[in-house]
Amino acid sequence: MQQARAARLQRTLTRSVESVRQFGRRSPYAAAWFVVAVLLVAMALAAPVVAPRDPINPNFSSMQKSPNGQYWFGTDQLGRDVLSRVIHGTRVSLFVALASVVLGTTVGAVWGVASGYIGGRFDMVSQRLVEILMAMPGLILAFVLALVLGAGMWTVIVAIAVTRVPFGVRVVRSVALTVKESVYVEAARAVGASQVRIMIRHIAPQCFAPYIVLATVNLGTAIVTEASLSFLGLGIRPPTPTWGSMLGEAANLLVPRWWLVVFPGIFITLAVLAFNLFGDGLRDALDPRLRGTR
């Protein structure tokens, strides 16, 4: 039994490594940005070890120091090390973006599967609600929700997740509409399988690839939304560092300091580009119509 499990695990690892190699050969540009995304995630996970100083405790003897050999990214208005705050801000910003995208895309995917398979009046009402959500700009909707619910990490996660729901509904519903006409779905219906079983066992697995691509692409948008809310003062409460709150604090200074804006902005740009371009490459790799093309 143990040998069989070890053999299955080895085969799974081999297939995974081969899939990664094929993805790298087919989309080297997207693979390079995937490496950047992995490095950002690794830096976020190892933030307490990588950060050279405490990101919260002030040092009034080193306020607003420009980048130098001691402080590579300089210090802010309270003497806190900007490099340490950027590293710890990576952890908070990526966690909020990942949690909100997973929550919003999952809710949208479940809603899309049910709407596409059940159809009828339920589908009509669902799509009208989705159109109402999509009619409001995502940032404005997240701003209103965060303003009503109050500042806080989980408030921001819920606010951003609500803006991601309609995209999950639309994408997954389109796949479900196609899959429900398949022969094996008709066979399952003919043998008396319930609607819930058909949706879970036959419809949902076919929607997994679009779900992964949509979640990856939405990460970039979620990072920008979280940074915008934190910049406006509706994100994570201080002194917890985030990229957006660092930009907001720099904007409130009477005398602007370039390093307080440049370094958080660079990391926001890198994160958005990494996840968006990796998501585009992943979409091309999982689209059978594009396989074999350059």
C-alpha atoms as a PDB file:
ATOM      1  CA  MET A   1       0.000   0.000   0.000  1.00  0.00           C
ATOM      2  CA  GLN A   2       2.761   2.440   0.902  1.00  0.00           C
ATOM      3  CA  GLN A   3       4.689   1.580  -2.252  1.00  0.00           C
ATOM      4  CA  ALA A   4       1.584   2.259  -4.355  1.00  0.00           C
ATOM      5  CA  ARG A   5       1.075   5.629  -2.671  1.00  0.00           C
ATOM      6  CA  ALA A   6       4.723   6.513  -3.196  1.00  0.00           C
ATOM      7  CA  ALA A   7       4.470   5.541  -6.859  1.00  0.00           C
ATOM      8  CA  ARG A   8       1.345   7.679  -7.335  1.00  0.00           C
ATOM      9  CA  LEU A   9       3.030  10.613  -5.606  1.00  0.00           C
ATOM     10  CA  GLN A  10       6.098  10.242  -7.805  1.00  0.00           C
ATOM     11  CA  ARG A  11       3.970  10.129 -10.953  1.00  0.00           C
ATOM     12  CA  THR A  12       2.089  13.249  -9.814  1.00  0.00           C
ATOM     13  CA  LEU A  13       5.333  15.117  -9.146  1.00  0.00           C
ATOM     14  CA  THR A  14       6.738  14.035 -12.507  1.00  0.00           C
ATOM     15  CA  ARG A  15       3.641  15.242 -14.348  1.00  0.00           C
ATOM     16  CA  SER A  16       3.724  18.536 -12.428  1.00  0.00           C
ATOM     17  CA  VAL A  17       7.390  19.157 -13.268  1.00  0.00           C
ATOM     18  CA  GLU A  18       6.771  18.300 -16.908  1.00  0.00           C
ATOM     19  CA  SER A  19       3.774  20.648 -17.019  1.00  0.00           C
ATOM     20  CA  VAL A  20       5.890  23.473 -15.601  1.00  0.00           C
ATOM     21  CA  ARG A  21       8.611  22.796 -18.189  1.00  0.00           C
ATOM     22  CA  GLN A  22       6.097  22.821 -21.030  1.00  0.00           C
ATOM     23  CA  PHE A  23       4.615  26.059 -19.734  1.00  0.00           C
ATOM     24  CA  GLY A  24       8.084  27.616 -19.599  1.00  0.00           C
ATOM     25  CA  ARG A  25       8.880  26.530 -23.157  1.00  0.00           C
ATOM     26  CA  ARG A  26       5.498  27.646 -24.502  1.00  0.00           C
ATOM     27  CA  SER A  27       5.327  30.982 -22.642  1.00  0.00           C
ATOM     28  CA  PRO A  28       8.802  32.034 -21.475  1.00  0.00           C
ATOM     29  CA  TYR A  29       7.658  35.628 -20.938  1.00  0.00           C
ATOM     30  CA  ALA A  30       4.823  34.560 -18.640  1.00  0.00           C
ATOM     31  CA  ALA A  31       7.141  32.091 -16.891  1.00  0.00           C
ATOM     32  CA  ALA A  32       9.578  34.910 -16.104  1.00  0.00           C
ATOM     33  CA  TRP A  33       6.796  36.930 -14.481  1.00  0.00           C
ATOM     34  CA  PHE A  34       5.707  33.806 -12.620  1.00  0.00           C
ATOM     35  CA  VAL A  35       9.188  33.692 -11.070  1.00  0.00           C
ATOM     36  CA  VAL A  36       8.748  37.334  -9.997  1.00  0.00           C
ATOM     37  CA  ALA A  37       5.398  36.477  -8.403  1.00  0.00           C
ATOM     38  CA  VAL A  38       6.947  33.510  -6.568  1.00  0.00           C
ATOM     39  CA  LEU A  39       9.758  35.725  -5.256  1.00  0.00           C
ATOM     40  CA  LEU A  40       7.221  38.268  -3.973  1.00  0.00           C
ATOM     41  CA  VAL A  41       5.254  35.523  -2.218  1.00  0.00           C
ATOM     42  CA  ALA A  42       8.459  34.071  -0.742  1.00  0.00           C
ATOM     43  CA  MET A  43       9.473  37.512   0.518  1.00  0.00           C
ATOM     44  CA  ALA A  44       6.046  37.961   2.104  1.00  0.00           C
ATOM     45  CA  LEU A  45       6.222  34.604   3.870  1.00  0.00           C
ATOM     46  CA  ALA A  46       9.751  35.253   5.145  1.00  0.00           C
ATOM     47  CA  ALA A  47       9.134  38.913   6.051  1.00  0.00           C
ATOM     48  CA  PRO A  48      10.129  38.592   9.756  1.00  0.00           C
ATOM     49  CA  VAL A  49      13.417  36.993   8.709  1.00  0.00           C
ATOM     50  CA  VAL A  50      14.212  39.126   5.651  1.00  0.00           C
ATOM     51  CA  ALA A  51      13.282  42.551   7.071  1.00  0.00           C
ATOM     52  CA  PRO A  52      16.361  44.161   8.644  1.00  0.00           C
ATOM     53  CA  ARG A  53      14.428  46.208  11.249  1.00  0.00           C
ATOM     54  CA  ASP A  54      11.126  46.470  13.032  1.00  0.00           C
ATOM     55  CA  PRO A  55       8.599  48.080  10.656  1.00  0.00           C
ATOM     56  CA  ILE A  56       6.473  49.659  13.408  1.00  0.00           C
ATOM     57  CA  ASN A  57       8.741  51.048  16.130  1.00  0.00           C
ATOM     58  CA  PRO A  58       9.792  54.658  15.378  1.00  0.00           C
ATOM     59  CA  ASN A  59      13.317  56.039  15.594  1.00  0.00           C
ATOM     60  CA  PHE A  60      13.103  59.800  16.044  1.00  0.00           C
ATOM     61  CA  SER A  61      16.846  60.241  15.631  1.00  0.00           C
ATOM     62  CA  SER A  62      16.668  59.063  11.985  1.00  0.00           C
ATOM     63  CA  MET A  63      13.537  60.755  10.641  1.00  0.00           C
ATOM     64  CA  GLN A  64      13.208  61.202   6.861  1.00  0.00           C
ATOM     65  CA  LYS A  65      16.681  59.946   6.023  1.00  0.00           C
ATOM     66  CA  SER A  66      17.343  59.526   2.312  1.00  0.00           C
ATOM     67  CA  PRO A  67      18.543  56.111   1.057  1.00  0.00           C
ATOM     68  CA  ASN A  68      22.063  55.343   2.250  1.00  0.00           C
ATOM     69  CA  GLY A  69      24.251  52.452   3.330  1.00  0.00           C
ATOM     70  CA  GLN A  70      22.420  52.030   6.621  1.00  0.00           C
ATOM     71  CA  TYR A  71      18.887  52.516   5.318  1.00  0.00           C
ATOM     72  CA  TRP A  72      18.736  51.233   1.745  1.00  0.00           C
ATOM     73  CA  PHE A  73      15.248  52.610   1.112  1.00  0.00           C
ATOM     74  CA  GLY A  74      15.536  55.535   3.531  1.00  0.00           C
ATOM     75  CA  THR A  75      13.274  56.255   6.516  1.00  0.00           C
ATOM     76  CA  ASP A  76       9.828  57.807   6.859  1.00  0.00           C
ATOM     77  CA  GLN A  77       8.576  60.750   8.920  1.00  0.00           C
ATOM     78  CA  LEU A  78       8.809  58.692  12.138  1.00  0.00           C
ATOM     79  CA  GLY A  79      12.236  57.231  11.451  1.00  0.00           C
ATOM     80  CA  ARG A  80      10.928  53.771  10.490  1.00  0.00           C
ATOM     81  CA  ASP A  81      12.911  51.783   7.942  1.00  0.00           C
ATOM     82  CA  VAL A  82      11.110  51.963   4.583  1.00  0.00           C
ATOM     83  CA  LEU A  83      12.661  48.706   3.357  1.00  0.00           C
ATOM     84  CA  SER A  84      11.300  46.805   6.348  1.00  0.00           C
ATOM     85  CA  ARG A  85       7.892  48.411   5.924  1.00  0.00           C
ATOM     86  CA  VAL A  86       7.811  47.529   2.221  1.00  0.00           C
ATOM     87  CA  ILE A  87       8.709  43.903   2.981  1.00  0.00           C
ATOM     88  CA  HIS A  88       6.063  43.563   5.689  1.00  0.00           C
ATOM     89  CA  GLY A  89       3.617  45.473   3.501  1.00  0.00           C
ATOM     90  CA  THR A  90       4.113  42.777   0.859  1.00  0.00           C
ATOM     91  CA  ARG A  91       2.775  40.189   3.308  1.00  0.00           C
ATOM     92  CA  VAL A  92      -0.328  42.227   4.191  1.00  0.00           C
ATOM     93  CA  SER A  93      -1.122  43.400   0.650  1.00  0.00           C
ATOM     94  CA  LEU A  94      -0.714  39.952  -0.929  1.00  0.00           C
ATOM     95  CA  PHE A  95      -2.738  38.250   1.823  1.00  0.00           C
ATOM     96  CA  VAL A  96      -5.622  40.706   1.408  1.00  0.00           C
ATOM     97  CA  ALA A  97      -5.521  40.380  -2.384  1.00  0.00           C
ATOM     98  CA  LEU A  98      -5.327  36.568  -2.324  1.00  0.00           C
ATOM     99  CA  ALA A  99      -8.064  36.150   0.307  1.00  0.00           C
ATOM    100  CA  SER A 100     -10.435  38.556  -1.437  1.00  0.00           C
ATOM    101  CA  VAL A 101      -9.885  36.997  -4.870  1.00  0.00           C
ATOM    102  CA  VAL A 102     -10.361  33.447  -3.580  1.00  0.00           C
ATOM    103  CA  LEU A 103     -13.534  34.448  -1.711  1.00  0.00           C
ATOM    104  CA  GLY A 104     -15.044  36.542  -4.491  1.00  0.00           C
ATOM    105  CA  THR A 105     -14.111  34.240  -7.365  1.00  0.00           C
ATOM    106  CA  THR A 106     -15.299  31.132  -5.495  1.00  0.00           C
ATOM    107  CA  VAL A 107     -18.668  32.687  -4.675  1.00  0.00           C
ATOM    108  CA  GLY A 108     -18.969  33.854  -8.273  1.00  0.00           C
ATOM    109  CA  ALA A 109     -18.003  30.433  -9.624  1.00  0.00           C
ATOM    110  CA  VAL A 110     -20.596  28.631  -7.486  1.00  0.00           C
ATOM    111  CA  TRP A 111     -23.198  31.186  -8.494  1.00  0.00           C
ATOM    112  CA  GLY A 112     -22.216  30.865 -12.160  1.00  0.00           C
ATOM    113  CA  VAL A 113     -22.442  27.055 -12.150  1.00  0.00           C
ATOM    114  CA  ALA A 114     -25.907  27.172 -10.563  1.00  0.00           C
ATOM    115  CA  SER A 115     -27.106  29.947 -12.860  1.00  0.00           C
ATOM    116  CA  GLY A 116     -25.838  28.292 -16.027  1.00  0.00           C
ATOM    117  CA  TYR A 117     -27.151  24.818 -15.230  1.00  0.00           C
ATOM    118  CA  ILE A 118     -30.519  25.640 -13.642  1.00  0.00           C
ATOM    119  CA  GLY A 119     -31.394  28.401 -16.115  1.00  0.00           C
ATOM    120  CA  GLY A 120     -34.926  29.739 -16.375  1.00  0.00           C
ATOM    121  CA  ARG A 121     -36.133  32.443 -14.032  1.00  0.00           C
ATOM    122  CA  PHE A 122     -33.255  31.846 -11.604  1.00  0.00           C
ATOM    123  CA  ASP A 123     -30.749  32.565 -14.358  1.00  0.00           C
ATOM    124  CA  MET A 124     -32.630  35.670 -15.494  1.00  0.00           C
ATOM    125  CA  VAL A 125     -32.797  37.166 -11.985  1.00  0.00           C
ATOM    126  CA  SER A 126     -29.158  36.234 -11.324  1.00  0.00           C
ATOM    127  CA  GLN A 127     -27.928  37.970 -14.445  1.00  0.00           C
ATOM    128  CA  ARG A 128     -29.865  41.142 -13.640  1.00  0.00           C
ATOM    129  CA  LEU A 129     -28.204  41.238 -10.217  1.00  0.00           C
ATOM    130  CA  VAL A 130     -24.808  40.657 -11.826  1.00  0.00           C
ATOM    131  CA  GLU A 131     -25.434  43.495 -14.276  1.00  0.00           C
ATOM    132  CA  ILE A 132     -26.268  45.812 -11.378  1.00  0.00           C
ATOM    133  CA  LEU A 133     -22.966  44.912  -9.684  1.00  0.00           C
ATOM    134  CA  MET A 134     -20.998  45.337 -12.910  1.00  0.00           C
ATOM    135  CA  ALA A 135     -22.634  48.712 -13.620  1.00  0.00           C
ATOM    136  CA  MET A 136     -20.821  50.183 -10.607  1.00  0.00           C
ATOM    137  CA  PRO A 137     -17.062  50.756 -10.959  1.00  0.00           C
ATOM    138  CA  GLY A 138     -15.188  48.242  -8.833  1.00  0.00           C
ATOM    139  CA  LEU A 139     -13.177  50.809  -6.895  1.00  0.00           C
ATOM    140  CA  ILE A 140     -16.266  52.918  -6.112  1.00  0.00           C
ATOM    141  CA  LEU A 141     -18.191  49.831  -4.961  1.00  0.00           C
ATOM    142  CA  ALA A 142     -15.308  48.717  -2.726  1.00  0.00           C
ATOM    143  CA  PHE A 143     -14.991  52.275  -1.397  1.00  0.00           C
ATOM    144  CA  VAL A 144     -18.686  52.418  -0.455  1.00  0.00           C
ATOM    145  CA  LEU A 145     -18.601  48.991   1.217  1.00  0.00           C
ATOM    146  CA  ALA A 146     -15.440  49.821   3.171  1.00  0.00           C
ATOM    147  CA  LEU A 147     -16.949  53.153   4.210  1.00  0.00           C
ATOM    148  CA  VAL A 148     -20.136  51.465   5.457  1.00  0.00           C
ATOM    149  CA  LEU A 149     -18.464  48.498   7.165  1.00  0.00           C
ATOM    150  CA  GLY A 150     -15.537  50.426   8.631  1.00  0.00           C
ATOM    151  CA  ALA A 151     -11.776  50.100   8.220  1.00  0.00           C
ATOM    152  CA  GLY A 152     -10.145  46.750   8.937  1.00  0.00           C
ATOM    153  CA  MET A 153      -8.470  43.829   7.228  1.00  0.00           C
ATOM    154  CA  TRP A 154     -11.510  41.574   6.884  1.00  0.00           C
ATOM    155  CA  THR A 155     -13.680  44.524   5.889  1.00  0.00           C
ATOM    156  CA  VAL A 156     -11.308  45.271   3.021  1.00  0.00           C
ATOM    157  CA  ILE A 157     -11.258  41.588   2.031  1.00  0.00           C
ATOM    158  CA  VAL A 158     -15.057  41.438   1.862  1.00  0.00           C
ATOM    159  CA  ALA A 159     -15.287  44.764   0.017  1.00  0.00           C
ATOM    160  CA  ILE A 160     -12.827  43.664  -2.669  1.00  0.00           C
ATOM    161  CA  ALA A 161     -14.382  40.176  -2.870  1.00  0.00           C
ATOM    162  CA  VAL A 162     -17.792  41.652  -3.715  1.00  0.00           C
ATOM    163  CA  THR A 163     -16.268  43.448  -6.716  1.00  0.00           C
ATOM    164  CA  ARG A 164     -14.826  40.141  -8.025  1.00  0.00           C
ATOM    165  CA  VAL A 165     -18.071  38.143  -7.784  1.00  0.00           C
ATOM    166  CA  PRO A 166     -19.733  39.279 -11.057  1.00  0.00           C
ATOM    167  CA  PHE A 167     -16.674  38.391 -13.155  1.00  0.00           C
ATOM    168  CA  GLY A 168     -16.643  34.887 -11.709  1.00  0.00           C
ATOM    169  CA  VAL A 169     -20.361  34.523 -12.409  1.00  0.00           C
ATOM    170  CA  ARG A 170     -20.091  35.602 -16.042  1.00  0.00           C
ATOM    171  CA  VAL A 171     -17.040  33.511 -16.933  1.00  0.00           C
ATOM    172  CA  VAL A 172     -18.088  30.301 -15.179  1.00  0.00           C
ATOM    173  CA  ARG A 173     -21.703  30.601 -16.334  1.00  0.00           C
ATOM    174  CA  SER A 174     -20.578  30.678 -19.972  1.00  0.00           C
ATOM    175  CA  VAL A 175     -18.646  27.451 -19.425  1.00  0.00           C
ATOM    176  CA  ALA A 176     -21.537  25.820 -17.580  1.00  0.00           C
ATOM    177  CA  LEU A 177     -23.945  26.645 -20.418  1.00  0.00           C
ATOM    178  CA  THR A 178     -21.710  24.718 -22.811  1.00  0.00           C
ATOM    179  CA  VAL A 179     -20.925  21.782 -20.527  1.00  0.00           C
ATOM    180  CA  LYS A 180     -24.555  21.105 -19.533  1.00  0.00           C
ATOM    181  CA  GLU A 181     -25.336  20.178 -23.155  1.00  0.00           C
ATOM    182  CA  SER A 182     -22.700  17.424 -23.145  1.00  0.00           C
ATOM    183  CA  VAL A 183     -23.638  13.788 -23.606  1.00  0.00           C
ATOM    184  CA  TYR A 184     -22.351  12.636 -20.222  1.00  0.00           C
ATOM    185  CA  VAL A 185     -24.474  15.278 -18.471  1.00  0.00           C
ATOM    186  CA  GLU A 186     -27.538  14.015 -20.335  1.00  0.00           C
ATOM    187  CA  ALA A 187     -26.605  10.463 -19.351  1.00  0.00           C
ATOM    188  CA  ALA A 188     -26.294  11.449 -15.692  1.00  0.00           C
ATOM    189  CA  ARG A 189     -29.672  13.157 -15.852  1.00  0.00           C
ATOM    190  CA  ALA A 190     -31.189  10.093 -17.517  1.00  0.00           C
ATOM    191  CA  VAL A 191     -30.070   7.716 -14.756  1.00  0.00           C
ATOM    192  CA  GLY A 192     -31.706   9.938 -12.146  1.00  0.00           C
ATOM    193  CA  ALA A 193     -28.791  11.960 -10.763  1.00  0.00           C
ATOM    194  CA  SER A 194     -29.902  15.035  -8.829  1.00  0.00           C
ATOM    195  CA  GLN A 195     -29.142  18.549  -9.986  1.00  0.00           C
ATOM    196  CA  VAL A 196     -26.741  19.123  -7.106  1.00  0.00           C
ATOM    197  CA  ARG A 197     -24.806  15.956  -7.934  1.00  0.00           C
ATOM    198  CA  ILE A 198     -24.600  16.858 -11.611  1.00  0.00           C
ATOM    199  CA  MET A 199     -23.344  20.345 -10.820  1.00  0.00           C
ATOM    200  CA  ILE A 200     -20.723  19.080  -8.360  1.00  0.00           C
ATOM    201  CA  ARG A 201     -19.529  15.960 -10.192  1.00  0.00           C
ATOM    202  CA  HIS A 202     -19.896  16.922 -13.861  1.00  0.00           C
ATOM    203  CA  ILE A 203     -20.218  20.695 -14.322  1.00  0.00           C
ATOM    204  CA  ALA A 204     -17.881  22.160 -11.693  1.00  0.00           C
ATOM    205  CA  PRO A 205     -14.721  20.181 -12.651  1.00  0.00           C
ATOM    206  CA  GLN A 206     -14.936  21.508 -16.212  1.00  0.00           C
ATOM    207  CA  CYS A 207     -14.965  25.073 -14.858  1.00  0.00           C
ATOM    208  CA  PHE A 208     -11.792  24.666 -12.808  1.00  0.00           C
ATOM    209  CA  ALA A 209      -9.338  25.874 -15.489  1.00  0.00           C
ATOM    210  CA  PRO A 210     -11.260  29.142 -16.178  1.00  0.00           C
ATOM    211  CA  TYR A 211     -11.555  29.603 -12.414  1.00  0.00           C
ATOM    212  CA  ILE A 212      -7.771  29.381 -11.932  1.00  0.00           C
ATOM    213  CA  VAL A 213      -7.068  31.788 -14.783  1.00  0.00           C
ATOM    214  CA  LEU A 214      -9.687  34.274 -13.579  1.00  0.00           C
ATOM    215  CA  ALA A 215      -8.355  34.185 -10.013  1.00  0.00           C
ATOM    216  CA  THR A 216      -4.792  34.762 -11.214  1.00  0.00           C
ATOM    217  CA  VAL A 217      -5.762  37.714 -13.410  1.00  0.00           C
ATOM    218  CA  ASN A 218      -7.925  39.229 -10.661  1.00  0.00           C
ATOM    219  CA  LEU A 219      -5.005  39.299  -8.222  1.00  0.00           C
ATOM    220  CA  GLY A 220      -3.505  42.335  -9.928  1.00  0.00           C
ATOM    221  CA  THR A 221      -6.790  44.234  -9.758  1.00  0.00           C
ATOM    222  CA  ALA A 222      -7.240  43.285  -6.103  1.00  0.00           C
ATOM    223  CA  ILE A 223      -3.750  44.582  -5.244  1.00  0.00           C
ATOM    224  CA  VAL A 224      -4.499  47.942  -6.874  1.00  0.00           C
ATOM    225  CA  THR A 225      -7.897  48.160  -5.153  1.00  0.00           C
ATOM    226  CA  GLU A 226      -6.408  47.401  -1.740  1.00  0.00           C
ATOM    227  CA  ALA A 227      -3.680  49.980  -2.289  1.00  0.00           C
ATOM    228  CA  SER A 228      -6.277  52.558  -3.333  1.00  0.00           C
ATOM    229  CA  LEU A 229      -8.429  51.937  -0.248  1.00  0.00           C
ATOM    230  CA  SER A 230      -5.393  52.122   2.033  1.00  0.00           C
ATOM    231  CA  PHE A 231      -4.271  55.316   0.298  1.00  0.00           C
ATOM    232  CA  LEU A 232      -7.687  56.857   1.014  1.00  0.00           C
ATOM    233  CA  GLY A 233      -7.574  55.754   4.659  1.00  0.00           C
ATOM    234  CA  LEU A 234     -10.190  52.990   4.374  1.00  0.00           C
ATOM    235  CA  GLY A 235      -7.820  50.022   4.328  1.00  0.00           C
ATOM    236  CA  ILE A 236      -5.760  48.353   7.015  1.00  0.00           C
ATOM    237  CA  ARG A 237      -5.490  50.486  10.108  1.00  0.00           C
ATOM    238  CA  PRO A 238      -2.069  51.894  11.039  1.00  0.00           C
ATOM    239  CA  PRO A 239       0.567  51.199  12.170  1.00  0.00           C
ATOM    240  CA  THR A 240       0.302  47.958  10.138  1.00  0.00           C
ATOM    241  CA  PRO A 241       2.267  48.707   6.943  1.00  0.00           C
ATOM    242  CA  THR A 242       0.742  48.267   3.498  1.00  0.00           C
ATOM    243  CA  TRP A 243       1.881  49.637   0.167  1.00  0.00           C
ATOM    244  CA  GLY A 244      -1.168  51.873  -0.184  1.00  0.00           C
ATOM    245  CA  SER A 245      -0.974  53.271   3.348  1.00  0.00           C
ATOM    246  CA  MET A 246       2.701  54.092   2.808  1.00  0.00           C
ATOM    247  CA  LEU A 247       1.780  56.105  -0.276  1.00  0.00           C
ATOM    248  CA  GLY A 248      -0.995  57.822   1.661  1.00  0.00           C
ATOM    249  CA  GLU A 249       1.366  58.778   4.483  1.00  0.00           C
ATOM    250  CA  ALA A 250       3.873  60.141   1.963  1.00  0.00           C
ATOM    251  CA  ALA A 251       1.160  62.237   0.273  1.00  0.00           C
ATOM    252  CA  ASN A 252       0.268  63.894   3.594  1.00  0.00           C
ATOM    253  CA  LEU A 253       3.778  65.203   4.222  1.00  0.00           C
ATOM    254  CA  LEU A 254       4.331  68.932   3.965  1.00  0.00           C
ATOM    255  CA  VAL A 255       7.687  68.321   2.248  1.00  0.00           C
ATOM    256  CA  PRO A 256       7.475  65.401  -0.236  1.00  0.00           C
ATOM    257  CA  ARG A 257      10.185  62.754  -0.066  1.00  0.00           C
ATOM    258  CA  TRP A 258      10.696  60.844  -3.300  1.00  0.00           C
ATOM    259  CA  TRP A 259      11.827  57.562  -1.720  1.00  0.00           C
ATOM    260  CA  LEU A 260       8.579  57.284   0.258  1.00  0.00           C
ATOM    261  CA  VAL A 261       6.661  57.163  -3.021  1.00  0.00           C
ATOM    262  CA  VAL A 262       9.024  55.425  -5.434  1.00  0.00           C
ATOM    263  CA  PHE A 263       9.743  52.194  -3.559  1.00  0.00           C
ATOM    264  CA  PRO A 264       6.147  51.254  -2.576  1.00  0.00           C
ATOM    265  CA  GLY A 265       5.051  52.229  -6.090  1.00  0.00           C
ATOM    266  CA  ILE A 266       7.687  49.976  -7.664  1.00  0.00           C
ATOM    267  CA  PHE A 267       6.513  46.986  -5.641  1.00  0.00           C
ATOM    268  CA  ILE A 268       2.863  47.646  -6.503  1.00  0.00           C
ATOM    269  CA  THR A 269       3.793  47.821 -10.182  1.00  0.00           C
ATOM    270  CA  LEU A 270       5.877  44.631 -10.034  1.00  0.00           C
ATOM    271  CA  ALA A 271       3.120  42.696  -8.249  1.00  0.00           C
ATOM    272  CA  VAL A 272       0.392  43.818 -10.657  1.00  0.00           C
ATOM    273  CA  LEU A 273       2.504  43.088 -13.744  1.00  0.00           C
ATOM    274  CA  ALA A 274       3.638  39.714 -12.401  1.00  0.00           C
ATOM    275  CA  PHE A 275       0.168  38.354 -11.650  1.00  0.00           C
ATOM    276  CA  ASN A 276      -1.541  39.879 -14.692  1.00  0.00           C
ATOM    277  CA  LEU A 277       1.034  38.716 -17.232  1.00  0.00           C
ATOM    278  CA  PHE A 278       1.335  35.296 -15.613  1.00  0.00           C
ATOM    279  CA  GLY A 279      -2.456  35.016 -15.743  1.00  0.00           C
ATOM    280  CA  ASP A 280      -2.447  35.886 -19.454  1.00  0.00           C
ATOM    281  CA  GLY A 281       0.171  33.234 -20.140  1.00  0.00           C
ATOM    282  CA  LEU A 282      -1.723  30.675 -18.070  1.00  0.00           C
ATOM    283  CA  ARG A 283      -4.901  31.439 -19.992  1.00  0.00           C
ATOM    284  CA  ASP A 284      -3.116  30.876 -23.292  1.00  0.00           C
ATOM    285  CA  ALA A 285      -1.582  27.633 -22.020  1.00  0.00           C
ATOM    286  CA  LEU A 286      -4.935  26.246 -20.858  1.00  0.00           C
ATOM    287  CA  ASP A 287      -6.830  27.318 -23.994  1.00  0.00           C
ATOM    288  CA  PRO A 288      -6.834  24.313 -26.377  1.00  0.00           C
ATOM    289  CA  ARG A 289      -7.454  26.615 -29.336  1.00  0.00           C
ATOM    290  CA  LEU A 290      -4.038  28.244 -28.780  1.00  0.00           C
ATOM    291  CA  ARG A 291      -1.986  25.105 -28.255  1.00  0.00           C
ATOM    292  CA  GLY A 292       0.615  24.577 -30.908  1.00  0.00           C
ATOM    293  CA  THR A 293       0.677  28.272 -31.843  1.00  0.00           C
ATOM    294  CA  ARG A 294       3.346  30.824 -31.084  1.00  0.00           C
END
